[in-house]
Amino acid sequence: MSDLYHGGMLWSLYILECADGSYYTGISNDLDSRIKAHNEGLGAKYTRGRGPVTLLASKSFENRSEASKAEAFVKKLPKSNKLGFFK
């Protein structure tokens, strides 16, 4: 079954800039809550202690599988090319 069958859920691939200038890439089906969690120190281990974070870009996908594949692709890109994926 696809994620769309379960309430039309969309998944977001997102890229954050941490306070130290580093980038974090992740996926979520509730982007606003996920960013809030990152800023409260409850998100990914990487972003803890690197906050506050700022959303630089996001892109929607119809299912988790496609979002995960895009996330893996973006994570392999050099930092200078990551934002280009979202254009």
C-alpha atoms as a PDB file:
ATOM      1  CA  MET A   1       0.000   0.000   0.000  1.00  0.00           C
ATOM      2  CA  SER A   2       1.202   3.480  -0.740  1.00  0.00           C
ATOM      3  CA  ASP A   3       1.386   6.325   1.744  1.00  0.00           C
ATOM      4  CA  LEU A   4      -1.278   8.106  -0.315  1.00  0.00           C
ATOM      5  CA  TYR A   5      -3.769   5.423   0.631  1.00  0.00           C
ATOM      6  CA  HIS A   6      -3.307   6.421   4.255  1.00  0.00           C
ATOM      7  CA  GLY A   7      -4.830   9.894   4.253  1.00  0.00           C
ATOM      8  CA  GLY A   8      -3.012  11.461   1.308  1.00  0.00           C
ATOM      9  CA  MET A   9       0.147  12.027   3.350  1.00  0.00           C
ATOM     10  CA  LEU A  10       2.912  13.938   1.583  1.00  0.00           C
ATOM     11  CA  TRP A  11       6.550  13.659   2.590  1.00  0.00           C
ATOM     12  CA  SER A  12       8.972  16.562   2.562  1.00  0.00           C
ATOM     13  CA  LEU A  13      12.671  16.497   1.890  1.00  0.00           C
ATOM     14  CA  TYR A  14      14.211  19.485   3.628  1.00  0.00           C
ATOM     15  CA  ILE A  15      17.548  21.129   4.156  1.00  0.00           C
ATOM     16  CA  LEU A  16      18.387  23.154   7.241  1.00  0.00           C
ATOM     17  CA  GLU A  17      21.250  25.467   8.015  1.00  0.00           C
ATOM     18  CA  CYS A  18      22.544  25.060  11.544  1.00  0.00           C
ATOM     19  CA  ALA A  19      23.889  27.944  13.622  1.00  0.00           C
ATOM     20  CA  ASP A  20      27.450  26.714  12.925  1.00  0.00           C
ATOM     21  CA  GLY A  21      26.860  27.057   9.152  1.00  0.00           C
ATOM     22  CA  SER A  22      26.592  23.330   8.476  1.00  0.00           C
ATOM     23  CA  TYR A  23      23.692  21.792   6.564  1.00  0.00           C
ATOM     24  CA  TYR A  24      21.345  19.037   7.709  1.00  0.00           C
ATOM     25  CA  THR A  25      19.128  17.146   5.267  1.00  0.00           C
ATOM     26  CA  GLY A  26      16.145  15.073   6.360  1.00  0.00           C
ATOM     27  CA  ILE A  27      12.606  13.957   5.534  1.00  0.00           C
ATOM     28  CA  SER A  28       9.335  14.355   7.401  1.00  0.00           C
ATOM     29  CA  ASN A  29       5.603  14.057   6.907  1.00  0.00           C
ATOM     30  CA  ASP A  30       5.072  17.076   9.232  1.00  0.00           C
ATOM     31  CA  LEU A  31       7.735  19.624   8.373  1.00  0.00           C
ATOM     32  CA  ASP A  32       6.672  22.376  10.787  1.00  0.00           C
ATOM     33  CA  SER A  33       6.698  20.006  13.767  1.00  0.00           C
ATOM     34  CA  ARG A  34      10.020  18.520  12.693  1.00  0.00           C
ATOM     35  CA  ILE A  35      11.731  21.913  12.475  1.00  0.00           C
ATOM     36  CA  LYS A  36      10.306  22.809  15.878  1.00  0.00           C
ATOM     37  CA  ALA A  37      11.715  19.550  17.280  1.00  0.00           C
ATOM     38  CA  HIS A  38      15.148  20.330  15.809  1.00  0.00           C
ATOM     39  CA  ASN A  39      15.096  23.788  17.419  1.00  0.00           C
ATOM     40  CA  GLU A  40      14.029  22.354  20.785  1.00  0.00           C
ATOM     41  CA  GLY A  41      16.902  19.862  20.778  1.00  0.00           C
ATOM     42  CA  LEU A  42      14.533  16.947  20.180  1.00  0.00           C
ATOM     43  CA  GLY A  43      15.306  16.379  16.508  1.00  0.00           C
ATOM     44  CA  ALA A  44      18.222  14.507  15.003  1.00  0.00           C
ATOM     45  CA  LYS A  45      21.338  13.961  17.067  1.00  0.00           C
ATOM     46  CA  TYR A  46      23.298  16.008  14.521  1.00  0.00           C
ATOM     47  CA  THR A  47      21.251  19.168  15.082  1.00  0.00           C
ATOM     48  CA  ARG A  48      21.362  18.992  18.886  1.00  0.00           C
ATOM     49  CA  GLY A  49      23.723  21.697  20.060  1.00  0.00           C
ATOM     50  CA  ARG A  50      23.872  23.216  16.584  1.00  0.00           C
ATOM     51  CA  GLY A  51      20.645  25.214  16.836  1.00  0.00           C
ATOM     52  CA  PRO A  52      18.853  27.242  16.082  1.00  0.00           C
ATOM     53  CA  VAL A  53      18.278  25.834  12.624  1.00  0.00           C
ATOM     54  CA  THR A  54      16.849  27.673   9.630  1.00  0.00           C
ATOM     55  CA  LEU A  55      14.901  26.044   6.812  1.00  0.00           C
ATOM     56  CA  LEU A  56      16.684  26.742   3.531  1.00  0.00           C
ATOM     57  CA  ALA A  57      14.566  24.667   1.145  1.00  0.00           C
ATOM     58  CA  SER A  58      12.051  21.837   0.949  1.00  0.00           C
ATOM     59  CA  LYS A  59      10.467  19.668  -1.721  1.00  0.00           C
ATOM     60  CA  SER A  60       7.362  17.476  -1.482  1.00  0.00           C
ATOM     61  CA  PHE A  61       7.100  13.832  -2.500  1.00  0.00           C
ATOM     62  CA  GLU A  62       4.072  11.569  -2.723  1.00  0.00           C
ATOM     63  CA  ASN A  63       5.574   8.810  -0.578  1.00  0.00           C
ATOM     64  CA  ARG A  64       8.313   8.071   1.917  1.00  0.00           C
ATOM     65  CA  SER A  65      10.241   5.873  -0.477  1.00  0.00           C
ATOM     66  CA  GLU A  66      10.721   8.643  -3.028  1.00  0.00           C
ATOM     67  CA  ALA A  67      11.610  11.164  -0.301  1.00  0.00           C
ATOM     68  CA  SER A  68      14.175   8.757   1.149  1.00  0.00           C
ATOM     69  CA  LYS A  69      15.794   8.181  -2.242  1.00  0.00           C
ATOM     70  CA  ALA A  70      16.036  11.932  -2.814  1.00  0.00           C
ATOM     71  CA  GLU A  71      17.464  12.402   0.689  1.00  0.00           C
ATOM     72  CA  ALA A  72      20.206   9.832   0.028  1.00  0.00           C
ATOM     73  CA  PHE A  73      21.035  11.557  -3.260  1.00  0.00           C
ATOM     74  CA  VAL A  74      21.237  15.046  -1.716  1.00  0.00           C
ATOM     75  CA  LYS A  75      23.353  13.836   1.209  1.00  0.00           C
ATOM     76  CA  LYS A  76      25.993  12.610  -1.273  1.00  0.00           C
ATOM     77  CA  LEU A  77      26.270  16.003  -2.977  1.00  0.00           C
ATOM     78  CA  PRO A  78      28.953  18.503  -2.001  1.00  0.00           C
ATOM     79  CA  LYS A  79      27.593  21.306   0.193  1.00  0.00           C
ATOM     80  CA  SER A  80      27.936  23.799  -2.657  1.00  0.00           C
ATOM     81  CA  ASN A  81      25.515  21.753  -4.824  1.00  0.00           C
ATOM     82  CA  LYS A  82      22.873  20.733  -2.278  1.00  0.00           C
ATOM     83  CA  LEU A  83      20.568  23.740  -2.659  1.00  0.00           C
ATOM     84  CA  GLY A  84      20.631  23.340  -6.449  1.00  0.00           C
ATOM     85  CA  PHE A  85      18.609  20.143  -6.097  1.00  0.00           C
ATOM     86  CA  PHE A  86      15.651  22.155  -4.783  1.00  0.00           C
ATOM     87  CA  LYS A  87      15.490  24.577  -7.733  1.00  0.00           C
END
